[in-house]
Protein backbone atom coordinates (compact mmCIF):
# COMPACT_ATOMS: atom_id res chain seq x y z
CA MET A 1 -0.14 0.26 0.35
CA LYS A 2 1.37 3.67 -0.93
CA ASN A 3 2.23 5.54 1.84
CA SER A 4 0.53 8.20 0.89
CA SER A 5 -3.36 6.01 0.63
CA ARG A 6 -2.19 4.47 3.99
CA ILE A 7 -2.24 8.14 4.64
CA ALA A 8 -6.12 8.97 3.67
CA LYS A 9 -6.69 5.32 5.16
CA GLY A 10 -5.95 7.16 9.50
CA ARG A 11 -6.85 10.07 7.83
CA TYR A 12 -11.21 8.91 6.78
CA LEU A 13 -11.53 7.38 10.76
CA GLN A 14 -10.09 10.78 12.46
CA ASN A 15 -12.90 12.65 10.53
CA ILE A 16 -14.83 10.03 11.27
CA VAL A 17 -14.67 10.76 14.52
CA LYS A 18 -14.16 14.10 15.42
CA ASP A 19 -17.18 14.59 13.31
CA LYS A 20 -19.37 12.53 16.06
CA ILE A 21 -18.31 14.25 18.33
CA ILE A 22 -18.81 18.08 16.99
CA LYS A 23 -22.21 16.44 15.93
CA LEU A 24 -22.61 15.35 18.94
CA TYR A 25 -21.60 18.97 21.07
CA PRO A 26 -23.14 21.25 18.26
CA VAL A 27 -21.30 24.51 20.77
CA LEU A 28 -17.18 22.60 19.22
CA THR A 29 -16.59 23.93 15.64
CA ASN A 30 -13.42 22.86 13.39
CA ALA A 31 -12.34 25.43 15.55
CA ASP A 32 -12.32 22.92 18.51
CA VAL A 33 -12.07 19.55 16.91
CA ARG A 34 -9.27 18.91 14.39
CA THR A 35 -7.57 16.34 12.56
CA CYS A 36 -3.34 15.77 13.12
CA MET A 37 -1.51 16.72 9.97
CA VAL A 38 1.07 14.25 9.06
CA ALA A 39 4.13 13.09 11.12
CA GLU A 40 2.19 15.15 14.13
CA HIS A 41 3.21 14.13 17.56
CA GLY A 42 -0.14 14.06 20.13
CA ALA A 43 -3.61 12.87 19.69
CA ASP A 44 -5.16 11.69 16.23
CA VAL A 45 -8.28 13.83 17.17
CA LYS A 46 -7.30 16.97 18.74
CA LEU A 47 -9.30 18.95 21.51
CA ILE A 48 -7.41 22.26 20.62
CA THR A 49 -10.30 24.02 23.55
CA PRO A 50 -10.93 24.32 27.04
CA ILE A 51 -14.35 23.16 26.22
CA ALA A 52 -13.68 21.00 23.66
CA ARG A 53 -11.30 19.35 26.12
CA LYS A 54 -14.17 19.34 29.10
CA LEU A 55 -16.21 17.81 27.33
CA PHE A 56 -15.12 15.01 25.45
CA ASN A 57 -12.54 14.26 28.61
CA TYR A 58 -10.81 11.29 26.11
CA SER A 59 -6.84 11.09 24.36
CA ILE A 60 -7.34 10.51 20.53
CA GLU A 61 -5.46 7.21 19.26
CA CYS A 62 -7.23 6.35 15.30
CA LYS A 63 -5.77 3.14 14.09
CA ASN A 64 -7.64 1.96 11.14
CA ARG A 65 -5.83 -1.49 9.50
CA GLN A 66 -7.13 -4.91 8.64
CA GLU A 67 -4.41 -6.32 11.20
CA PHE A 68 -7.17 -6.20 13.29
CA LYS A 69 -9.69 -9.28 12.54
CA ASN A 70 -9.44 -11.24 14.67
CA LEU A 71 -10.40 -8.42 17.00
CA TYR A 72 -13.73 -8.18 15.07
CA SER A 73 -13.92 -12.07 14.65
CA TYR A 74 -14.43 -11.53 18.59
CA PHE A 75 -16.32 -8.55 18.91
CA GLU A 76 -18.72 -10.13 16.55
CA GLN A 77 -18.37 -13.38 19.12
CA ALA A 78 -19.69 -11.21 21.83
CA ILE A 79 -22.79 -9.61 19.58
CA GLY A 80 -23.65 -13.07 18.88
CA HIS A 81 -24.13 -14.33 23.23
CA SER A 82 -27.23 -12.10 23.54
CA ASN A 83 -28.59 -9.22 22.31
CA MET A 84 -27.92 -7.11 24.94
CA GLU A 85 -25.13 -4.25 24.61
CA PRO A 86 -21.34 -6.24 22.77
CA LEU A 87 -17.81 -5.90 25.11
CA LEU A 88 -14.40 -6.80 24.63
CA VAL A 89 -11.64 -6.86 26.59
CA ILE A 90 -8.89 -8.01 25.34
CA LYS A 91 -5.20 -8.35 27.51
CA MET A 92 -1.25 -8.75 26.50
CA ASN A 93 0.68 -10.64 28.45
CA ARG A 94 2.00 -7.79 31.32
CA GLN A 95 -0.27 -4.95 29.41
CA ARG A 96 -3.41 -3.56 31.57
CA PRO A 97 -6.59 -5.13 30.14
CA LEU A 98 -8.41 -3.26 27.11
CA ALA A 99 -11.85 -3.00 26.43
CA ILE A 100 -13.46 -2.57 23.63
CA ILE A 101 -17.15 -1.44 22.61
CA ASP A 102 -19.04 -0.03 19.53
CA LEU A 103 -18.30 3.67 18.23
CA ASP A 104 -22.10 4.41 18.52
CA HIS A 105 -22.17 3.38 21.96
CA LEU A 106 -18.89 5.04 23.00
CA PHE A 107 -21.19 8.17 21.85
CA LYS A 108 -25.00 7.15 23.30
CA LEU A 109 -22.29 6.33 26.52
CA GLN A 110 -20.99 10.08 26.23
CA MET A 111 -24.75 11.93 25.44
CA ASP A 112 -26.85 10.08 28.29
CA GLN A 113 -23.71 11.53 30.42
CA ASP A 114 -24.55 14.87 29.75
CA ASN A 115 -28.13 15.19 29.74
């Protein structure tokens, strides 16, 4: 895959997240939330203003890779257990456990928290 294609693929996911944050909080604009520039250090989606960081207090790293196909199959397994919201918990040796939920569910939780 060309480097420019890789960058575009990553940028696509960053824009999805940025747009969801702005949609969730209409008070925010592109001046409050932006995607990172190529080779810029820090989070992939930047919460620029204090109000943006207060409303959506997450450090966002986006990875759009085919290597995660096993994670998706595990998540599908969680979906198949019942009609409840799926939650995948993963852990590697000497690492903290991570919880994986659907992106739309995360934004619904955030919206419910604000109400």
